[in-house]
């Protein structure tokens, strides 16, 4: 009786893969001497010398006691005196707020104008995408900005901002026609 040995394809593939791994591992053993020599040479090299730390300069202390000069680190006498409510410009806070006053100026975009001459209206787009018609002397922005002039490519306004001393100051601003 003649018996044949049948090797299953999966067993053959496993045996072949195991043989390949064994040969690959055997090949890794040779040829390491040049790597070891190179590492030894690199370790034997001396490194560059480290620069010494810079010398820390010491500064003279200074006691400020001159009575004729103002101390630069204390508030001036003008800053200590509160400004009166009637002096200087101040915002009109008694009027009802207009819709565009709840947005900052940099979030508003000019998209066009309607009309000519003194009756020109400017079209302003708010962050929500709503377009508003704005006339001269109307308010917009969060700093009491009042529209002072309207032209075809921009509008000018004056904002009222706090000066830090309890008073107010005027600051010019403008919004230009946006790119299409």
N, C-alpha and C. Protein backbone atom coordinates (compact mmCIF):
# COMPACT_ATOMS: atom_id res chain seq x y z
N UNK A 1 0.81 -1.15 0.00
CA UNK A 1 0.00 0.00 0.00
C UNK A 1 0.88 1.24 0.00
N UNK A 2 0.50 2.06 -0.85
CA UNK A 2 1.26 3.28 -1.00
C UNK A 2 0.49 4.43 -0.34
N UNK A 3 1.14 5.04 0.59
CA UNK A 3 0.48 6.14 1.28
C UNK A 3 1.08 7.46 0.87
N UNK A 4 0.25 8.38 0.64
CA UNK A 4 0.73 9.71 0.29
C UNK A 4 0.55 10.64 1.47
N UNK A 5 1.53 11.50 1.61
CA UNK A 5 1.42 12.50 2.67
C UNK A 5 0.88 13.78 2.03
N UNK A 6 -0.22 14.19 2.53
CA UNK A 6 -0.84 15.40 2.00
C UNK A 6 -0.62 16.52 3.03
N UNK A 7 0.03 17.55 2.60
CA UNK A 7 0.28 18.69 3.49
C UNK A 7 -0.79 19.74 3.20
N UNK A 8 -1.40 20.11 4.24
CA UNK A 8 -2.45 21.13 4.10
C UNK A 8 -1.81 22.46 3.70
N UNK A 9 -2.46 23.24 2.88
CA UNK A 9 -1.86 24.51 2.45
C UNK A 9 -1.57 25.46 3.61
N UNK A 10 -2.39 25.44 4.63
CA UNK A 10 -2.14 26.38 5.73
C UNK A 10 -0.94 25.94 6.54
N UNK A 11 -0.74 24.63 6.72
CA UNK A 11 0.43 24.16 7.45
C UNK A 11 1.70 24.46 6.67
N UNK A 12 1.63 24.28 5.37
CA UNK A 12 2.78 24.56 4.52
C UNK A 12 3.14 26.05 4.58
N UNK A 13 2.14 26.88 4.54
CA UNK A 13 2.39 28.32 4.58
C UNK A 13 2.98 28.72 5.93
N UNK A 14 2.53 28.12 7.01
CA UNK A 14 3.07 28.43 8.34
C UNK A 14 4.52 27.98 8.44
N UNK A 15 4.81 26.78 7.92
CA UNK A 15 6.18 26.26 7.97
C UNK A 15 7.11 27.13 7.14
N UNK A 16 6.66 27.58 5.99
CA UNK A 16 7.46 28.45 5.13
C UNK A 16 7.70 29.81 5.80
N UNK A 17 6.70 30.36 6.45
CA UNK A 17 6.86 31.64 7.15
C UNK A 17 7.82 31.50 8.31
N UNK A 18 7.75 30.40 9.04
CA UNK A 18 8.65 30.17 10.17
C UNK A 18 10.09 30.02 9.69
N UNK A 19 10.28 29.35 8.59
CA UNK A 19 11.61 29.21 8.01
C UNK A 19 12.16 30.57 7.58
N UNK A 20 11.32 31.41 6.98
CA UNK A 20 11.75 32.75 6.56
C UNK A 20 12.15 33.61 7.75
N UNK A 21 11.41 33.54 8.84
CA UNK A 21 11.74 34.32 10.04
C UNK A 21 13.06 33.85 10.61
N UNK A 22 13.28 32.54 10.64
CA UNK A 22 14.53 31.99 11.17
C UNK A 22 15.72 32.46 10.33
N UNK A 23 15.58 32.47 9.01
CA UNK A 23 16.67 32.93 8.14
C UNK A 23 16.93 34.43 8.32
N UNK A 24 15.87 35.19 8.49
CA UNK A 24 16.04 36.65 8.68
C UNK A 24 16.76 36.94 9.98
N UNK A 25 16.41 36.21 11.03
CA UNK A 25 17.07 36.42 12.31
C UNK A 25 18.53 35.98 12.25
N UNK A 26 18.82 34.94 11.50
CA UNK A 26 20.20 34.49 11.37
C UNK A 26 21.02 35.51 10.60
N UNK A 27 20.42 36.21 9.64
CA UNK A 27 21.12 37.22 8.87
C UNK A 27 21.39 38.48 9.66
N UNK A 28 20.62 38.75 10.70
CA UNK A 28 20.82 39.95 11.52
C UNK A 28 22.06 39.84 12.38
N UNK A 29 22.52 38.63 12.64
CA UNK A 29 23.65 38.45 13.54
C UNK A 29 24.94 38.92 12.88
N UNK A 30 25.12 38.66 11.59
CA UNK A 30 26.36 39.07 10.93
C UNK A 30 26.26 40.52 10.49
N UNK A 31 27.40 41.20 10.40
CA UNK A 31 27.43 42.57 9.93
C UNK A 31 27.21 43.61 11.01
N UNK A 32 27.22 43.22 12.28
CA UNK A 32 27.00 44.17 13.37
C UNK A 32 28.32 44.79 13.83
N UNK A 33 29.43 44.21 13.43
CA UNK A 33 30.72 44.70 13.93
C UNK A 33 30.99 46.12 13.46
N UNK A 34 30.64 46.46 12.20
CA UNK A 34 30.87 47.83 11.72
C UNK A 34 30.00 48.84 12.48
N UNK A 35 28.81 48.45 12.86
CA UNK A 35 27.94 49.33 13.65
C UNK A 35 28.53 49.57 15.03
N UNK A 36 29.03 48.49 15.65
CA UNK A 36 29.64 48.63 16.97
C UNK A 36 30.88 49.52 16.90
N UNK A 37 31.68 49.38 15.84
CA UNK A 37 32.87 50.22 15.67
C UNK A 37 32.50 51.70 15.52
N UNK A 38 31.49 51.97 14.73
CA UNK A 38 31.06 53.37 14.51
C UNK A 38 30.56 53.99 15.81
N UNK A 39 29.76 53.26 16.58
CA UNK A 39 29.25 53.77 17.86
C UNK A 39 30.42 54.05 18.80
N UNK A 40 31.41 53.15 18.84
CA UNK A 40 32.57 53.35 19.71
C UNK A 40 33.35 54.59 19.30
N UNK A 41 33.50 54.83 17.98
CA UNK A 41 34.22 56.01 17.51
C UNK A 41 33.47 57.29 17.88
N UNK A 42 32.14 57.29 17.73
CA UNK A 42 31.36 58.48 18.05
C UNK A 42 31.41 58.78 19.55
N UNK A 43 31.41 57.76 20.37
CA UNK A 43 31.49 57.97 21.82
C UNK A 43 32.86 58.48 22.22
N UNK A 44 33.90 58.10 21.46
CA UNK A 44 35.26 58.52 21.80
C UNK A 44 35.52 59.98 21.44
N UNK A 45 34.76 60.55 20.53
CA UNK A 45 34.96 61.96 20.14
C UNK A 45 34.64 62.87 21.30
N UNK A 46 35.41 63.95 21.41
CA UNK A 46 35.14 64.94 22.45
C UNK A 46 34.10 65.93 21.93
N UNK A 47 33.22 66.32 22.80
CA UNK A 47 32.18 67.29 22.43
C UNK A 47 32.74 68.71 22.43
N UNK A 48 32.00 69.63 21.85
CA UNK A 48 32.41 71.03 21.83
C UNK A 48 32.35 71.59 23.25
N UNK A 49 33.27 72.48 23.58
CA UNK A 49 33.25 73.04 24.94
C UNK A 49 31.99 73.89 25.16
N UNK A 50 31.48 73.85 26.36
CA UNK A 50 30.29 74.61 26.70
C UNK A 50 30.70 76.03 27.07
N UNK A 51 29.99 76.98 26.51
CA UNK A 51 30.27 78.40 26.79
C UNK A 51 29.98 78.68 28.26
N UNK A 52 30.81 79.51 28.90
CA UNK A 52 30.53 79.86 30.31
C UNK A 52 29.29 80.75 30.39
N UNK A 53 28.61 80.70 31.51
CA UNK A 53 27.42 81.52 31.71
C UNK A 53 27.79 82.99 31.73
N UNK A 54 26.94 83.86 31.20
CA UNK A 54 27.27 85.29 31.22
C UNK A 54 27.21 85.82 32.66
N UNK A 55 28.00 86.84 32.88
CA UNK A 55 28.04 87.46 34.20
C UNK A 55 26.81 88.34 34.36
N UNK A 56 26.13 88.18 35.46
CA UNK A 56 24.92 88.97 35.72
C UNK A 56 25.34 90.35 36.21
N UNK A 57 24.82 91.38 35.53
CA UNK A 57 25.16 92.74 35.92
C UNK A 57 24.31 93.15 37.12
N UNK A 58 24.92 93.77 38.05
CA UNK A 58 24.18 94.29 39.20
C UNK A 58 23.96 95.78 38.98
N UNK A 59 22.79 96.24 39.36
CA UNK A 59 22.45 97.63 39.18
C UNK A 59 22.37 98.33 40.53
N UNK A 60 22.70 99.60 40.50
CA UNK A 60 22.63 100.38 41.72
C UNK A 60 21.17 100.63 42.09
N UNK A 61 20.89 100.55 43.36
CA UNK A 61 19.55 100.91 43.80
C UNK A 61 19.45 102.42 43.87
N UNK A 62 18.26 102.92 43.70
CA UNK A 62 18.05 104.37 43.67
C UNK A 62 16.88 104.70 44.57
N UNK A 63 17.12 105.55 45.52
CA UNK A 63 16.06 106.00 46.42
C UNK A 63 15.54 107.33 45.88
N UNK A 64 14.25 107.36 45.54
CA UNK A 64 13.65 108.57 44.98
C UNK A 64 13.10 109.42 46.12
N UNK A 65 13.74 110.56 46.33
CA UNK A 65 13.26 111.44 47.40
C UNK A 65 13.33 112.91 47.02
N UNK A 66 13.37 113.20 45.73
CA UNK A 66 13.40 114.58 45.28
C UNK A 66 11.99 115.17 45.39
N UNK A 67 11.85 116.23 46.15
CA UNK A 67 10.53 116.82 46.38
C UNK A 67 10.04 117.65 45.20
N UNK A 68 10.94 118.05 44.31
CA UNK A 68 10.55 118.92 43.20
C UNK A 68 10.00 118.13 42.01
N UNK A 69 10.21 116.84 42.00
CA UNK A 69 9.78 116.04 40.85
C UNK A 69 8.69 115.06 41.28
N UNK A 70 7.85 114.72 40.32
CA UNK A 70 6.77 113.77 40.57
C UNK A 70 7.32 112.35 40.48
N UNK A 71 6.88 111.50 41.41
CA UNK A 71 7.26 110.09 41.38
C UNK A 71 6.57 109.44 40.17
N UNK A 72 7.33 108.84 39.25
CA UNK A 72 6.71 108.28 38.04
C UNK A 72 5.84 107.06 38.30
N UNK A 73 5.91 106.47 39.51
CA UNK A 73 5.14 105.27 39.79
C UNK A 73 3.92 105.55 40.64
N UNK A 74 3.64 106.79 40.93
CA UNK A 74 2.42 107.12 41.67
C UNK A 74 1.51 107.93 40.75
N UNK A 75 0.20 107.88 40.98
CA UNK A 75 -0.72 108.61 40.10
C UNK A 75 -0.50 110.12 40.21
N UNK A 76 -0.70 110.80 39.09
CA UNK A 76 -0.53 112.25 39.09
C UNK A 76 -1.70 112.90 39.82
N UNK A 77 -1.55 114.16 40.13
CA UNK A 77 -2.61 114.87 40.85
C UNK A 77 -3.84 115.02 39.98
N UNK A 78 -3.65 115.10 38.64
CA UNK A 78 -4.81 115.19 37.74
C UNK A 78 -5.60 113.89 37.75
N UNK A 79 -4.90 112.76 37.90
CA UNK A 79 -5.60 111.49 37.93
C UNK A 79 -6.33 111.28 39.25
N UNK A 80 -5.85 111.90 40.31
CA UNK A 80 -6.50 111.74 41.61
C UNK A 80 -7.77 112.56 41.73
N UNK A 81 -7.86 113.67 40.98
CA UNK A 81 -9.05 114.52 41.06
C UNK A 81 -10.12 113.96 40.12
N UNK A 82 -11.27 113.64 40.65
CA UNK A 82 -12.32 113.11 39.77
C UNK A 82 -12.86 114.21 38.86
N UNK A 83 -13.17 113.82 37.64
CA UNK A 83 -13.73 114.80 36.71
C UNK A 83 -15.22 114.94 37.00
N UNK A 84 -15.71 116.11 36.81
CA UNK A 84 -17.13 116.34 37.04
C UNK A 84 -17.91 115.85 35.84
N UNK A 85 -19.16 115.53 36.08
CA UNK A 85 -20.00 114.96 35.02
C UNK A 85 -20.23 115.96 33.90
N UNK A 86 -20.22 117.23 34.18
CA UNK A 86 -20.50 118.23 33.17
C UNK A 86 -19.30 118.59 32.33
N UNK A 87 -18.09 118.24 32.75
CA UNK A 87 -16.92 118.63 31.99
C UNK A 87 -16.63 117.62 30.89
N UNK A 88 -16.34 118.09 29.70
CA UNK A 88 -15.99 117.23 28.59
C UNK A 88 -17.20 116.57 27.95
N UNK A 89 -16.96 115.80 26.90
CA UNK A 89 -18.07 115.11 26.22
C UNK A 89 -18.58 113.95 27.07
N UNK A 90 -19.79 113.58 26.84
CA UNK A 90 -20.38 112.43 27.51
C UNK A 90 -21.44 111.81 26.61
N UNK A 91 -21.66 110.50 26.71
CA UNK A 91 -22.65 109.85 25.83
C UNK A 91 -24.07 110.18 26.27
N UNK A 92 -24.94 110.12 25.27
CA UNK A 92 -26.37 110.34 25.53
C UNK A 92 -26.97 109.01 25.95
N UNK A 93 -27.06 108.79 27.27
CA UNK A 93 -27.52 107.51 27.78
C UNK A 93 -29.02 107.49 28.05
N UNK A 94 -29.70 108.62 27.87
CA UNK A 94 -31.13 108.68 28.14
C UNK A 94 -31.98 108.21 26.96
N UNK A 95 -31.41 108.15 25.78
CA UNK A 95 -32.17 107.77 24.60
C UNK A 95 -32.28 106.24 24.52
N UNK A 96 -33.29 105.72 23.84
CA UNK A 96 -33.40 104.26 23.70
C UNK A 96 -32.29 103.73 22.77
N UNK A 97 -31.81 102.56 23.08
CA UNK A 97 -30.75 101.94 22.27
C UNK A 97 -31.30 101.53 20.91
N UNK A 98 -30.48 101.69 19.88
CA UNK A 98 -30.85 101.29 18.53
C UNK A 98 -30.35 99.87 18.27
N UNK A 99 -30.94 99.16 17.30
CA UNK A 99 -30.62 97.73 17.12
C UNK A 99 -29.13 97.43 16.88
N UNK A 100 -28.42 98.29 16.16
CA UNK A 100 -27.02 98.01 15.85
C UNK A 100 -26.07 98.32 17.00
N UNK A 101 -26.58 98.83 18.12
CA UNK A 101 -25.72 99.14 19.26
C UNK A 101 -25.39 97.91 20.09
N UNK A 102 -26.00 96.78 19.80
CA UNK A 102 -25.65 95.59 20.56
C UNK A 102 -24.50 94.81 19.91
N UNK A 103 -23.99 95.27 18.76
CA UNK A 103 -22.88 94.61 18.07
C UNK A 103 -21.64 95.50 18.13
N UNK A 104 -20.46 94.86 18.16
CA UNK A 104 -19.23 95.65 18.10
C UNK A 104 -19.02 96.10 16.65
N UNK A 105 -18.29 97.20 16.49
CA UNK A 105 -18.11 97.76 15.15
C UNK A 105 -17.39 96.80 14.21
N UNK A 106 -16.44 96.03 14.74
CA UNK A 106 -15.70 95.15 13.85
C UNK A 106 -16.53 93.96 13.37
N UNK A 107 -17.68 93.72 13.95
CA UNK A 107 -18.55 92.64 13.47
C UNK A 107 -19.58 93.14 12.45
N UNK A 108 -19.67 94.46 12.27
CA UNK A 108 -20.62 95.03 11.30
C UNK A 108 -19.92 95.25 9.96
N UNK A 109 -20.64 95.03 8.86
CA UNK A 109 -20.06 95.20 7.53
C UNK A 109 -20.94 96.12 6.70
N UNK A 110 -20.30 97.06 6.01
CA UNK A 110 -21.01 97.93 5.08
C UNK A 110 -21.14 97.18 3.76
N UNK A 111 -22.38 97.08 3.24
CA UNK A 111 -22.59 96.35 2.00
C UNK A 111 -23.06 97.24 0.85
N UNK A 112 -23.34 98.51 1.14
CA UNK A 112 -23.75 99.40 0.06
C UNK A 112 -24.41 100.66 0.56
N UNK A 113 -24.86 101.50 -0.39
CA UNK A 113 -25.57 102.73 -0.07
C UNK A 113 -26.82 102.82 -0.92
N UNK A 114 -27.79 103.59 -0.44
CA UNK A 114 -29.02 103.82 -1.18
C UNK A 114 -29.25 105.32 -1.19
N UNK A 115 -29.52 105.89 -2.36
CA UNK A 115 -29.82 107.31 -2.46
C UNK A 115 -28.58 108.14 -2.74
N UNK A 116 -28.83 109.46 -2.88
CA UNK A 116 -27.74 110.40 -3.13
C UNK A 116 -27.96 111.64 -2.28
N UNK A 117 -26.89 112.40 -2.10
CA UNK A 117 -26.98 113.66 -1.37
C UNK A 117 -27.20 113.46 0.11
N UNK A 118 -27.91 114.43 0.72
CA UNK A 118 -28.08 114.36 2.18
C UNK A 118 -29.00 113.24 2.64
N UNK A 119 -29.79 112.67 1.75
CA UNK A 119 -30.70 111.59 2.15
C UNK A 119 -30.09 110.21 1.93
N UNK A 120 -28.78 110.13 1.75
CA UNK A 120 -28.12 108.85 1.51
C UNK A 120 -28.23 107.95 2.74
N UNK A 121 -28.57 106.71 2.50
CA UNK A 121 -28.61 105.71 3.57
C UNK A 121 -27.51 104.70 3.30
N UNK A 122 -26.94 104.16 4.34
CA UNK A 122 -25.92 103.12 4.20
C UNK A 122 -26.54 101.80 4.63
N UNK A 123 -26.18 100.73 3.94
CA UNK A 123 -26.69 99.40 4.25
C UNK A 123 -25.63 98.66 5.07
N UNK A 124 -25.99 98.27 6.28
CA UNK A 124 -25.07 97.61 7.21
C UNK A 124 -25.59 96.20 7.48
N UNK A 125 -24.68 95.22 7.37
CA UNK A 125 -25.03 93.82 7.63
C UNK A 125 -24.51 93.43 9.02
N UNK A 126 -25.40 92.95 9.89
CA UNK A 126 -25.00 92.54 11.23
C UNK A 126 -24.50 91.09 11.21
N UNK A 127 -23.94 90.58 12.31
CA UNK A 127 -23.41 89.22 12.31
C UNK A 127 -24.45 88.14 12.03
N UNK A 128 -25.71 88.43 12.26
CA UNK A 128 -26.76 87.47 11.97
C UNK A 128 -27.19 87.45 10.51
N UNK A 129 -26.62 88.34 9.70
CA UNK A 129 -26.94 88.39 8.27
C UNK A 129 -28.07 89.35 7.93
N UNK A 130 -28.63 90.06 8.93
CA UNK A 130 -29.72 91.01 8.68
C UNK A 130 -29.12 92.33 8.19
N UNK A 131 -29.75 92.91 7.16
CA UNK A 131 -29.28 94.18 6.60
C UNK A 131 -30.13 95.31 7.19
N UNK A 132 -29.45 96.36 7.69
CA UNK A 132 -30.11 97.51 8.29
C UNK A 132 -29.80 98.76 7.48
N UNK A 133 -30.81 99.65 7.38
CA UNK A 133 -30.61 100.95 6.76
C UNK A 133 -30.24 101.93 7.86
N UNK A 134 -29.12 102.63 7.67
CA UNK A 134 -28.63 103.55 8.69
C UNK A 134 -28.51 104.94 8.07
N UNK A 135 -29.02 105.94 8.81
CA UNK A 135 -28.94 107.34 8.38
C UNK A 135 -27.90 108.08 9.20
N UNK A 136 -27.60 109.27 8.79
CA UNK A 136 -26.69 110.14 9.55
C UNK A 136 -27.31 110.44 10.91
N UNK A 137 -26.48 110.55 11.96
CA UNK A 137 -26.86 110.82 13.35
C UNK A 137 -27.54 109.65 14.03
N UNK A 138 -27.54 108.47 13.43
CA UNK A 138 -28.02 107.28 14.12
C UNK A 138 -26.83 106.63 14.82
N UNK A 139 -27.10 105.71 15.73
CA UNK A 139 -26.07 105.12 16.57
C UNK A 139 -25.84 103.66 16.20
N UNK A 140 -24.58 103.22 16.34
CA UNK A 140 -24.21 101.84 16.10
C UNK A 140 -22.94 101.51 16.87
N UNK A 141 -22.72 100.26 17.18
CA UNK A 141 -21.54 99.85 17.94
C UNK A 141 -21.80 99.93 19.43
N UNK A 142 -20.92 99.31 20.21
CA UNK A 142 -21.12 99.23 21.65
C UNK A 142 -20.54 100.41 22.41
N UNK A 143 -19.91 101.36 21.71
CA UNK A 143 -19.31 102.52 22.37
C UNK A 143 -20.02 103.82 21.98
N UNK A 144 -21.34 103.79 21.92
CA UNK A 144 -22.14 104.98 21.63
C UNK A 144 -21.70 105.65 20.32
N UNK A 145 -21.42 104.86 19.29
CA UNK A 145 -20.95 105.41 18.02
C UNK A 145 -22.07 106.09 17.26
N UNK A 146 -21.88 107.37 16.93
CA UNK A 146 -22.87 108.16 16.19
C UNK A 146 -22.34 108.40 14.79
N UNK A 147 -23.16 108.09 13.77
CA UNK A 147 -22.76 108.25 12.37
C UNK A 147 -22.68 109.74 12.06
N UNK A 148 -21.52 110.20 11.59
CA UNK A 148 -21.33 111.63 11.29
C UNK A 148 -21.32 111.91 9.80
N UNK A 149 -20.88 110.96 8.97
CA UNK A 149 -20.83 111.20 7.52
C UNK A 149 -20.98 109.88 6.79
N UNK A 150 -21.66 109.97 5.64
CA UNK A 150 -21.86 108.79 4.79
C UNK A 150 -21.35 109.12 3.40
N UNK A 151 -20.50 108.26 2.87
CA UNK A 151 -20.06 108.40 1.48
C UNK A 151 -20.30 107.08 0.77
N UNK A 152 -19.98 107.03 -0.52
CA UNK A 152 -20.28 105.84 -1.31
C UNK A 152 -19.46 104.62 -0.87
N UNK A 153 -18.24 104.84 -0.34
CA UNK A 153 -17.38 103.70 -0.02
C UNK A 153 -17.10 103.52 1.48
N UNK A 154 -17.58 104.42 2.33
CA UNK A 154 -17.38 104.25 3.77
C UNK A 154 -18.33 105.16 4.55
N UNK A 155 -18.42 104.90 5.85
CA UNK A 155 -19.16 105.80 6.71
C UNK A 155 -18.27 106.15 7.89
N UNK A 156 -18.36 107.38 8.36
CA UNK A 156 -17.57 107.85 9.49
C UNK A 156 -18.48 107.98 10.70
N UNK A 157 -17.94 107.68 11.87
CA UNK A 157 -18.70 107.86 13.10
C UNK A 157 -17.76 108.26 14.22
N UNK A 158 -18.34 108.75 15.30
CA UNK A 158 -17.58 109.16 16.48
C UNK A 158 -18.08 108.32 17.64
N UNK A 159 -17.16 107.62 18.31
CA UNK A 159 -17.50 106.81 19.47
C UNK A 159 -17.17 107.57 20.74
N UNK A 160 -17.86 107.25 21.81
CA UNK A 160 -17.58 107.82 23.13
C UNK A 160 -17.00 106.71 23.99
N UNK A 161 -15.73 106.86 24.39
CA UNK A 161 -15.07 105.84 25.20
C UNK A 161 -14.62 106.46 26.51
N UNK A 162 -14.57 105.65 27.54
CA UNK A 162 -14.14 106.11 28.85
C UNK A 162 -12.65 106.43 28.81
N UNK A 163 -12.26 107.53 29.49
CA UNK A 163 -10.84 107.89 29.51
C UNK A 163 -10.11 107.30 30.71
N UNK A 164 -10.79 106.54 31.54
CA UNK A 164 -10.16 105.90 32.68
C UNK A 164 -10.16 106.74 33.94
N UNK A 165 -10.58 107.99 33.85
CA UNK A 165 -10.61 108.88 35.01
C UNK A 165 -12.03 109.29 35.37
N UNK A 166 -12.99 108.57 34.89
CA UNK A 166 -14.38 108.91 35.18
C UNK A 166 -15.00 109.79 34.12
N UNK A 167 -14.25 110.21 33.15
CA UNK A 167 -14.77 111.06 32.07
C UNK A 167 -14.86 110.28 30.77
N UNK A 168 -15.16 111.00 29.70
CA UNK A 168 -15.32 110.40 28.39
C UNK A 168 -14.50 111.16 27.37
N UNK A 169 -14.14 110.49 26.29
CA UNK A 169 -13.47 111.17 25.18
C UNK A 169 -14.01 110.62 23.87
N UNK A 170 -13.93 111.44 22.84
CA UNK A 170 -14.42 111.05 21.52
C UNK A 170 -13.31 110.35 20.75
N UNK A 171 -13.70 109.32 20.01
CA UNK A 171 -12.74 108.57 19.20
C UNK A 171 -13.35 108.37 17.82
N UNK A 172 -12.69 108.84 16.77
CA UNK A 172 -13.24 108.65 15.41
C UNK A 172 -13.09 107.20 14.97
N UNK A 173 -14.03 106.73 14.18
CA UNK A 173 -13.99 105.38 13.62
C UNK A 173 -14.67 105.41 12.26
N UNK A 174 -14.45 104.37 11.49
CA UNK A 174 -15.11 104.28 10.18
C UNK A 174 -15.32 102.82 9.82
N UNK A 175 -16.27 102.60 8.93
CA UNK A 175 -16.53 101.28 8.38
C UNK A 175 -16.49 101.43 6.86
N UNK A 176 -15.62 100.65 6.22
CA UNK A 176 -15.46 100.74 4.77
C UNK A 176 -16.35 99.71 4.09
N UNK A 177 -16.64 99.99 2.83
CA UNK A 177 -17.43 99.06 2.03
C UNK A 177 -16.64 97.77 1.86
N UNK A 178 -17.26 96.62 2.16
CA UNK A 178 -16.58 95.33 2.12
C UNK A 178 -16.36 94.86 0.70
N UNK A 179 -15.39 93.94 0.55
CA UNK A 179 -15.12 93.32 -0.76
C UNK A 179 -16.25 92.35 -1.10
N UNK A 180 -16.55 92.23 -2.38
CA UNK A 180 -17.61 91.31 -2.82
C UNK A 180 -17.06 89.95 -3.06
